N, C-alpha and C. Protein backbone atom coordinates (compact mmCIF):
# COMPACT_ATOMS: atom_id res chain seq x y z
N UNK A 1 1.78 -30.94 7.41
CA UNK A 1 1.97 -30.34 8.47
C UNK A 1 1.59 -30.36 9.57
N UNK A 2 2.34 -30.24 10.70
CA UNK A 2 2.18 -30.73 11.81
C UNK A 2 1.00 -30.00 12.58
N UNK A 3 0.47 -31.08 13.81
CA UNK A 3 -0.94 -30.16 14.48
C UNK A 3 -0.70 -29.54 15.62
N UNK A 4 0.35 -29.75 16.21
CA UNK A 4 0.44 -28.93 17.44
C UNK A 4 1.49 -27.82 16.99
N UNK A 5 1.79 -26.48 17.69
CA UNK A 5 2.84 -25.85 17.35
C UNK A 5 3.95 -26.43 17.79
N UNK A 6 5.04 -25.87 17.06
CA UNK A 6 6.34 -26.56 17.63
C UNK A 6 6.99 -25.53 18.93
N UNK A 7 8.12 -26.06 19.19
CA UNK A 7 8.94 -25.51 20.17
C UNK A 7 8.68 -23.50 20.04
N UNK A 8 8.88 -22.75 21.07
CA UNK A 8 8.60 -21.53 21.08
C UNK A 8 10.40 -21.16 20.62
N UNK A 9 10.20 -20.66 19.40
CA UNK A 9 11.53 -20.26 19.12
C UNK A 9 12.25 -19.34 19.32
N UNK A 10 11.45 -18.02 19.55
CA UNK A 10 11.31 -16.67 20.24
C UNK A 10 10.32 -15.75 20.64
N UNK A 11 11.30 -14.82 21.77
CA UNK A 11 10.10 -14.10 21.88
C UNK A 11 9.71 -12.86 21.67
N UNK A 12 10.84 -11.93 20.99
CA UNK A 12 10.90 -10.85 20.73
C UNK A 12 10.51 -10.85 19.45
N UNK A 13 10.26 -9.30 18.81
CA UNK A 13 9.55 -9.22 17.43
C UNK A 13 10.28 -9.44 16.46
N UNK A 14 10.22 -9.98 15.52
CA UNK A 14 10.66 -10.33 14.24
C UNK A 14 11.22 -11.93 14.40
N UNK A 15 11.06 -12.63 15.59
CA UNK A 15 11.42 -14.07 15.63
C UNK A 15 10.35 -15.06 15.53
N UNK A 16 10.43 -15.63 15.07
CA UNK A 16 9.49 -17.11 14.64
C UNK A 16 8.66 -17.41 16.15
N UNK A 17 7.42 -17.49 16.60
CA UNK A 17 7.49 -18.01 17.92
C UNK A 17 6.17 -19.21 17.93
N UNK A 18 5.84 -19.14 16.71
CA UNK A 18 5.10 -20.88 16.60
C UNK A 18 5.42 -21.23 15.23
N UNK A 19 5.70 -22.60 15.33
CA UNK A 19 5.98 -23.04 13.91
C UNK A 19 5.22 -24.30 13.90
N UNK A 20 4.73 -24.79 12.70
CA UNK A 20 4.48 -26.17 12.40
C UNK A 20 4.92 -27.03 11.31
N UNK A 21 6.26 -26.67 11.41
CA UNK A 21 6.95 -27.35 10.44
C UNK A 21 8.01 -27.91 10.67
N UNK A 22 8.93 -29.34 10.26
CA UNK A 22 9.84 -30.03 10.52
C UNK A 22 10.76 -29.52 10.10
N UNK A 23 10.82 -28.75 8.87
CA UNK A 23 11.96 -28.77 8.23
C UNK A 23 12.95 -27.68 8.95
N UNK A 24 13.93 -26.42 8.52
CA UNK A 24 14.42 -25.56 9.13
C UNK A 24 14.11 -24.56 8.71
N UNK A 25 14.22 -23.56 10.22
CA UNK A 25 13.52 -22.51 9.91
C UNK A 25 14.56 -21.50 9.05
N UNK A 26 13.49 -20.84 7.95
CA UNK A 26 14.61 -19.80 7.02
C UNK A 26 14.87 -18.32 7.83
N UNK A 27 16.03 -18.17 8.16
CA UNK A 27 16.71 -17.34 8.94
C UNK A 27 17.16 -16.34 8.02
N UNK A 28 16.85 -16.15 6.82
CA UNK A 28 17.47 -15.00 6.05
C UNK A 28 16.43 -13.89 5.82
N UNK A 29 17.10 -12.73 5.12
CA UNK A 29 16.03 -11.39 4.83
C UNK A 29 15.05 -12.06 3.41
N UNK A 30 13.84 -11.24 3.92
CA UNK A 30 13.00 -11.50 2.94
C UNK A 30 13.39 -9.99 1.73
N UNK A 31 12.61 -10.04 0.89
CA UNK A 31 12.67 -8.94 -0.33
C UNK A 31 11.33 -8.27 -0.56
N UNK A 32 11.24 -7.59 -1.22
CA UNK A 32 9.15 -7.03 -1.52
C UNK A 32 9.09 -8.18 -2.22
N UNK A 33 7.76 -7.94 -2.84
CA UNK A 33 7.35 -8.62 -3.62
C UNK A 33 8.25 -8.54 -5.38
N UNK A 34 7.97 -6.65 -5.31
CA UNK A 34 8.51 -6.18 -6.83
C UNK A 34 9.89 -6.65 -7.01
N UNK A 35 10.70 -6.52 -6.08
CA UNK A 35 12.18 -7.27 -5.81
C UNK A 35 12.42 -7.99 -6.29
N UNK A 36 11.51 -9.01 -5.65
CA UNK A 36 11.99 -11.01 -5.49
C UNK A 36 11.14 -10.84 -6.96
N UNK A 37 10.39 -10.62 -7.91
CA UNK A 37 9.83 -10.75 -9.20
C UNK A 37 11.16 -10.27 -10.25
N UNK A 38 12.24 -9.30 -9.21
CA UNK A 38 13.05 -8.51 -11.00
C UNK A 38 14.21 -9.60 -10.89
N UNK A 39 14.37 -10.70 -9.45
CA UNK A 39 15.77 -11.20 -8.86
C UNK A 39 15.83 -12.39 -9.66
N UNK A 40 16.80 -13.69 -9.59
CA UNK A 40 16.70 -14.46 -9.84
C UNK A 40 17.66 -15.26 -8.59
N UNK A 41 17.66 -14.91 -8.12
CA UNK A 41 18.55 -15.47 -7.20
C UNK A 41 17.83 -15.33 -5.27
N UNK A 42 16.94 -14.73 -4.88
CA UNK A 42 15.93 -14.57 -3.97
C UNK A 42 15.19 -15.61 -3.71
N UNK A 43 15.08 -15.80 -2.40
CA UNK A 43 14.19 -17.00 -1.82
C UNK A 43 13.05 -16.79 -0.87
N UNK A 44 13.57 -15.43 -0.30
CA UNK A 44 12.33 -15.20 0.77
C UNK A 44 11.69 -13.85 0.20
N UNK A 45 10.28 -14.14 0.31
CA UNK A 45 9.45 -12.87 -0.05
C UNK A 45 8.35 -12.14 1.18
N UNK A 46 8.39 -11.09 0.98
CA UNK A 46 7.40 -10.36 2.31
C UNK A 46 6.20 -9.67 1.39
N UNK A 47 5.00 -10.16 1.65
CA UNK A 47 3.92 -9.34 0.78
C UNK A 47 3.49 -8.61 2.04
N UNK A 48 3.19 -7.20 1.17
CA UNK A 48 2.38 -6.39 2.09
C UNK A 48 1.06 -6.07 1.77
N UNK A 49 -0.01 -5.45 2.50
CA UNK A 49 -0.80 -4.86 1.93
C UNK A 49 -0.88 -4.64 0.83
N UNK A 50 -1.53 -4.86 0.03
CA UNK A 50 -1.73 -4.22 -1.33
C UNK A 50 -0.95 -4.76 -2.78
N UNK A 51 0.15 -5.85 -2.00
CA UNK A 51 0.91 -6.51 -3.11
C UNK A 51 -0.18 -7.59 -3.45
N UNK A 52 0.10 -8.31 -4.49
CA UNK A 52 -0.62 -9.31 -5.39
C UNK A 52 0.04 -10.47 -5.21
N UNK A 53 -0.17 -11.28 -4.59
CA UNK A 53 0.34 -12.66 -4.30
C UNK A 53 0.33 -13.44 -5.51
N UNK A 54 -0.45 -13.03 -6.28
CA UNK A 54 -0.44 -13.71 -7.79
C UNK A 54 1.05 -13.53 -8.55
N UNK A 55 1.54 -12.60 -8.16
CA UNK A 55 2.80 -11.95 -8.77
C UNK A 55 3.75 -13.01 -8.78
N UNK A 56 3.73 -13.86 -7.84
CA UNK A 56 4.65 -14.67 -6.97
C UNK A 56 4.17 -16.30 -7.75
N UNK A 57 3.39 -16.29 -8.44
CA UNK A 57 2.68 -18.01 -8.58
C UNK A 57 3.72 -18.42 -9.74
N UNK A 58 4.67 -17.81 -10.80
CA UNK A 58 5.21 -18.49 -11.96
C UNK A 58 6.66 -18.51 -10.79
N UNK A 59 6.92 -17.99 -9.55
CA UNK A 59 8.34 -18.67 -8.82
C UNK A 59 8.15 -19.70 -7.66
N UNK A 60 6.61 -19.92 -7.27
CA UNK A 60 6.91 -21.20 -6.45
C UNK A 60 8.08 -22.14 -6.26
N UNK A 61 8.53 -22.28 -7.06
CA UNK A 61 9.18 -24.10 -6.96
C UNK A 61 10.74 -22.88 -6.57
N UNK A 62 11.21 -21.58 -6.05
CA UNK A 62 12.34 -21.17 -5.96
C UNK A 62 11.86 -20.44 -4.46
N UNK A 63 10.80 -20.49 -3.64
CA UNK A 63 10.48 -19.80 -2.61
C UNK A 63 10.62 -20.75 -1.44
N UNK A 64 11.30 -20.04 -0.69
CA UNK A 64 11.46 -21.28 0.81
C UNK A 64 10.56 -20.03 1.47
N UNK A 65 10.93 -19.54 1.84
CA UNK A 65 9.61 -18.31 2.53
C UNK A 65 8.82 -17.35 2.47
N UNK A 66 7.87 -17.12 2.61
CA UNK A 66 6.72 -15.96 2.13
C UNK A 66 6.18 -15.56 3.22
N UNK A 67 6.59 -14.03 3.91
CA UNK A 67 6.44 -13.46 5.30
C UNK A 67 4.91 -12.76 4.77
N UNK A 68 3.76 -12.92 5.32
CA UNK A 68 2.82 -12.16 5.16
C UNK A 68 2.76 -10.98 6.53
N UNK A 69 2.71 -9.65 5.71
CA UNK A 69 2.34 -8.66 7.16
C UNK A 69 1.53 -8.31 7.30
N UNK A 70 0.95 -8.37 8.60
CA UNK A 70 -0.31 -7.57 9.39
C UNK A 70 0.00 -6.80 9.91
N UNK A 71 0.03 -5.23 9.31
CA UNK A 71 0.15 -4.31 10.17
C UNK A 71 -0.77 -3.68 10.88
N UNK A 72 -1.88 -3.82 10.87
CA UNK A 72 -2.90 -3.45 11.57
C UNK A 72 -4.09 -4.82 11.77
N UNK A 73 -4.46 -5.10 12.75
CA UNK A 73 -5.73 -6.07 13.07
C UNK A 73 -6.75 -6.31 12.52
N UNK A 74 -7.26 -5.12 11.83
CA UNK A 74 -8.18 -5.14 10.65
C UNK A 74 -7.98 -5.50 9.43
N UNK A 75 -6.97 -5.47 9.03
CA UNK A 75 -6.30 -5.85 7.54
C UNK A 75 -6.73 -7.12 7.41
N UNK A 76 -7.17 -7.84 6.78
CA UNK A 76 -7.50 -9.17 6.25
C UNK A 76 -6.75 -9.59 5.25
N UNK A 77 -6.38 -8.25 4.46
CA UNK A 77 -5.81 -9.10 2.85
C UNK A 77 -4.99 -9.85 2.85
N UNK A 78 -3.79 -10.37 4.27
CA UNK A 78 -3.31 -11.56 4.04
C UNK A 78 -3.52 -13.23 4.18
N UNK A 79 -4.66 -12.94 4.72
CA UNK A 79 -5.42 -14.33 4.63
C UNK A 79 -5.79 -14.38 3.27
N UNK A 80 -6.50 -13.75 2.28
CA UNK A 80 -6.47 -13.71 0.47
C UNK A 80 -4.91 -14.24 -0.03
N UNK A 81 -4.05 -13.62 0.46
CA UNK A 81 -2.54 -13.82 0.03
C UNK A 81 -2.54 -15.55 0.07
N UNK A 82 -2.04 -16.00 1.83
CA UNK A 82 -1.71 -17.12 1.77
C UNK A 82 -2.84 -18.00 1.01
N UNK A 83 -4.24 -17.91 1.28
CA UNK A 83 -4.91 -18.94 0.66
C UNK A 83 -4.31 -19.17 -1.20
N UNK A 84 -4.25 -18.24 -1.42
CA UNK A 84 -4.10 -18.15 -2.92
C UNK A 84 -2.88 -19.04 -3.45
N UNK A 85 -2.07 -18.76 -2.64
CA UNK A 85 -0.37 -19.28 -2.82
C UNK A 85 -0.37 -21.01 -2.53
N UNK A 86 -1.02 -21.02 -1.17
CA UNK A 86 -1.40 -22.75 -0.97
C UNK A 86 -2.24 -23.45 -2.15
N UNK A 87 -3.42 -22.74 -2.17
CA UNK A 87 -4.42 -23.49 -3.51
C UNK A 87 -3.60 -23.69 -4.94
N UNK A 88 -2.38 -22.55 -4.90
CA UNK A 88 -1.63 -22.85 -6.26
C UNK A 88 -0.73 -24.02 -6.29
N UNK A 89 -0.08 -24.66 -5.14
CA UNK A 89 0.34 -25.00 -4.54
C UNK A 89 1.69 -25.08 -3.70
N UNK A 90 2.04 -23.71 -3.32
CA UNK A 90 3.25 -23.60 -2.51
C UNK A 90 3.36 -24.09 -1.13
N UNK A 91 4.15 -24.58 -1.15
CA UNK A 91 4.38 -25.66 -0.05
C UNK A 91 5.81 -25.39 1.32
N UNK A 92 6.36 -24.27 0.93
CA UNK A 92 7.21 -23.63 1.52
C UNK A 92 6.77 -22.80 2.86
N UNK A 93 7.32 -22.20 3.68
CA UNK A 93 7.05 -21.60 5.06
C UNK A 93 6.34 -20.48 4.76
N UNK A 94 4.99 -20.53 5.11
CA UNK A 94 3.83 -19.61 5.25
C UNK A 94 4.06 -18.69 6.49
N UNK A 95 4.55 -17.27 7.05
CA UNK A 95 4.85 -17.02 8.21
C UNK A 95 3.98 -15.67 8.41
N UNK A 96 3.00 -15.85 9.30
CA UNK A 96 2.10 -14.30 9.35
C UNK A 96 3.29 -13.56 10.29
N UNK A 97 3.46 -12.87 10.11
CA UNK A 97 4.41 -11.35 11.01
C UNK A 97 3.12 -10.21 11.30
N UNK A 98 3.90 -9.43 12.40
CA UNK A 98 3.07 -8.14 12.32
C UNK A 98 2.26 -7.85 13.78
N UNK A 99 0.97 -7.97 13.50
CA UNK A 99 -0.09 -7.68 14.61
C UNK A 99 -0.65 -9.06 14.41
N UNK A 100 0.03 -9.90 14.85
CA UNK A 100 -0.93 -11.34 14.94
C UNK A 100 -1.77 -11.47 16.09
N UNK A 101 -2.70 -11.58 16.22
CA UNK A 101 -3.13 -12.19 17.67
C UNK A 101 -3.84 -13.17 18.15
N UNK A 102 -4.21 -13.64 19.14
CA UNK A 102 -4.81 -14.58 20.02
C UNK A 102 -5.99 -15.32 18.88
N UNK A 103 -7.06 -14.29 18.74
CA UNK A 103 -8.12 -14.41 18.29
C UNK A 103 -7.99 -14.81 16.43
N UNK A 104 -7.14 -14.59 16.26
CA UNK A 104 -6.69 -14.78 14.44
C UNK A 104 -5.93 -16.34 14.46
N UNK A 105 -5.57 -16.74 15.16
CA UNK A 105 -4.49 -17.81 14.98
C UNK A 105 -5.04 -19.00 14.19
N UNK A 106 -6.33 -19.55 14.77
CA UNK A 106 -6.66 -20.65 14.20
C UNK A 106 -7.45 -20.02 12.92
N UNK A 107 -7.83 -19.10 12.18
CA UNK A 107 -8.31 -18.72 11.28
C UNK A 107 -6.81 -18.76 10.27
N UNK A 108 -6.27 -18.48 10.63
CA UNK A 108 -4.41 -18.01 9.70
C UNK A 108 -4.19 -19.32 9.85
N UNK A 109 -4.29 -20.26 10.49
CA UNK A 109 -3.37 -22.43 10.28
C UNK A 109 -4.66 -22.29 9.06
N UNK A 110 -5.90 -21.87 9.17
CA UNK A 110 -7.23 -22.46 8.02
C UNK A 110 -6.63 -22.17 6.51
N UNK A 111 -5.92 -20.86 6.90
CA UNK A 111 -5.66 -20.45 4.90
C UNK A 111 -4.03 -20.77 4.81
N UNK A 112 -3.63 -21.71 5.48
CA UNK A 112 -2.34 -22.15 5.46
C UNK A 112 -1.19 -21.41 5.76
N UNK A 113 -0.78 -20.52 7.33
CA UNK A 113 0.00 -20.11 7.39
C UNK A 113 0.98 -21.61 8.44
N UNK A 114 2.05 -21.48 8.76
CA UNK A 114 2.38 -22.73 9.21
C UNK A 114 3.72 -22.40 10.10
N UNK A 115 3.62 -20.43 10.49
CA UNK A 115 4.45 -19.99 11.07
C UNK A 115 4.20 -18.63 11.28
N UNK A 116 4.42 -18.08 12.83
CA UNK A 116 3.94 -17.02 13.35
C UNK A 116 4.98 -16.04 13.98
N UNK A 117 5.17 -14.85 13.96
CA UNK A 117 6.06 -14.12 14.22
C UNK A 117 5.27 -12.85 14.85
N UNK A 118 4.47 -13.09 15.98
CA UNK A 118 3.75 -11.87 16.09
C UNK A 118 4.54 -10.30 16.95
N UNK A 119 4.00 -9.37 16.82
CA UNK A 119 4.96 -8.06 17.10
C UNK A 119 5.32 -8.09 18.48
N UNK A 120 4.02 -8.62 19.04
CA UNK A 120 3.83 -9.01 20.88
C UNK A 120 4.02 -10.37 21.13
N UNK A 121 4.59 -11.07 21.35
CA UNK A 121 4.76 -12.37 22.02
C UNK A 121 3.20 -12.96 22.61
N UNK A 122 2.83 -13.88 22.18
CA UNK A 122 1.68 -14.12 22.56
C UNK A 122 1.75 -15.57 23.81
N UNK A 123 0.77 -15.48 24.84
CA UNK A 123 1.03 -16.61 25.89
C UNK A 123 1.04 -17.85 25.09
N UNK A 124 2.01 -19.34 25.23
CA UNK A 124 2.09 -20.41 25.02
C UNK A 124 0.64 -20.99 25.06
N UNK A 125 0.08 -21.07 26.19
CA UNK A 125 -1.17 -21.52 26.72
C UNK A 125 -2.41 -20.93 26.12
N UNK A 126 -2.51 -19.66 25.91
CA UNK A 126 -3.20 -19.15 25.30
C UNK A 126 -3.67 -19.86 23.63
N UNK A 127 -2.04 -19.45 23.10
CA UNK A 127 -2.18 -20.11 22.20
C UNK A 127 -2.29 -21.48 21.29
N UNK A 128 -2.15 -22.31 22.41
CA UNK A 128 -2.44 -23.67 22.47
C UNK A 128 -4.07 -23.96 22.30
N UNK A 129 -4.44 -23.25 23.16
CA UNK A 129 -5.91 -23.53 23.42
C UNK A 129 -6.64 -23.18 22.02
N UNK A 130 -6.11 -21.74 21.55
CA UNK A 130 -6.47 -21.30 20.20
C UNK A 130 -6.25 -22.18 18.98
N UNK A 131 -5.23 -22.25 18.74
CA UNK A 131 -5.00 -23.58 17.68
C UNK A 131 -5.84 -24.52 17.69
N UNK A 132 -6.14 -25.21 19.09
CA UNK A 132 -7.13 -26.48 19.13
C UNK A 132 -8.69 -26.03 19.20
N UNK A 133 -9.34 -24.96 19.42
CA UNK A 133 -10.37 -24.43 19.78
C UNK A 133 -11.17 -24.99 18.98
N UNK A 134 -11.45 -25.46 17.68
CA UNK A 134 -12.27 -25.98 17.20
C UNK A 134 -11.78 -27.27 16.01
N UNK A 135 -12.67 -27.98 16.71
CA UNK A 135 -12.35 -29.44 16.12
C UNK A 135 -13.14 -29.94 14.84
N UNK A 136 -14.08 -29.15 14.78
CA UNK A 136 -14.55 -29.32 13.49
C UNK A 136 -14.66 -28.11 12.37
N UNK A 137 -14.79 -28.18 11.49
CA UNK A 137 -15.54 -27.16 10.43
C UNK A 137 -15.90 -27.18 9.38
N UNK A 138 -16.24 -26.22 8.96
CA UNK A 138 -17.73 -26.05 7.99
C UNK A 138 -17.59 -26.04 6.90
N UNK A 139 -16.08 -25.74 5.94
CA UNK A 139 -15.95 -25.70 5.22
C UNK A 139 -14.29 -25.67 4.44
N UNK A 140 -14.26 -26.40 3.00
CA UNK A 140 -12.81 -26.76 2.62
C UNK A 140 -11.93 -25.46 3.00
N UNK A 141 -10.73 -25.36 3.39
CA UNK A 141 -9.55 -24.61 3.60
C UNK A 141 -8.27 -24.82 2.93
N UNK A 142 -7.34 -24.22 3.28
CA UNK A 142 -5.60 -24.25 2.38
C UNK A 142 -5.28 -25.87 3.78
N UNK A 143 -6.26 -25.67 4.92
CA UNK A 143 -5.27 -26.43 6.05
C UNK A 143 -5.81 -28.45 5.60
N UNK A 144 -6.77 -28.36 4.48
CA UNK A 144 -6.92 -29.52 4.33
C UNK A 144 -7.92 -30.36 5.07
N UNK A 145 -8.36 -29.86 6.17
CA UNK A 145 -9.44 -30.58 7.14
C UNK A 145 -10.77 -30.46 6.50
N UNK A 146 -11.27 -32.16 6.89
CA UNK A 146 -12.53 -32.44 6.34
C UNK A 146 -13.72 -31.50 6.66
N UNK A 147 -14.20 -30.92 6.19
CA UNK A 147 -15.61 -30.31 6.46
C UNK A 147 -16.24 -31.65 7.62
N UNK A 148 -17.24 -30.97 8.44
CA UNK A 148 -18.43 -31.83 9.20
C UNK A 148 -19.33 -32.34 8.43
N UNK A 149 -19.77 -31.56 7.74
CA UNK A 149 -20.96 -32.29 6.89
C UNK A 149 -20.19 -33.40 5.92
N UNK A 150 -19.10 -33.44 5.35
CA UNK A 150 -18.79 -34.02 4.33
C UNK A 150 -18.37 -35.64 5.33
N UNK A 151 -18.20 -35.60 7.09
CA UNK A 151 -17.70 -36.39 7.83
C UNK A 151 -19.05 -37.17 8.00
N UNK A 152 -20.05 -36.41 8.44
CA UNK A 152 -21.64 -36.84 8.74
C UNK A 152 -22.33 -37.36 6.97
N UNK A 153 -21.90 -36.92 6.02
CA UNK A 153 -22.52 -37.38 4.93
C UNK A 153 -21.96 -38.26 3.94
N UNK A 154 -20.68 -38.15 4.23
CA UNK A 154 -19.57 -38.68 3.26
C UNK A 154 -19.54 -38.02 1.55
């Protein structure tokens, strides 16, 4: 994963604003988790709150995009979905969509999100500051950053 946000790709709802990948943007529509599991040709899926990301684990090899919807600020279930997918080996695009706020960006990156499509476009300078704010971390996460205690004590 790239360490700095890519170019601003879009600034209206449902468009990717920040991306940390070098491959092409997946621009075809997503289907629900239930629909995805019942199909064999879908390659993009959208996880809603309440969906179980573990249903996708047998299909990771054919998924190009997983969108995780954050319909409200206080719903953190999408963080768990992202971490489950990354820890299971998912390497495709993991896009946070919906109520994505500046305060959440760094934590979403730590959980494995590498693309962001907020409902309300975010200020680029604020977003870059948010992505860069924490130079050291205290625990392992999907982003692969080495915890500071490990750097200090090997």
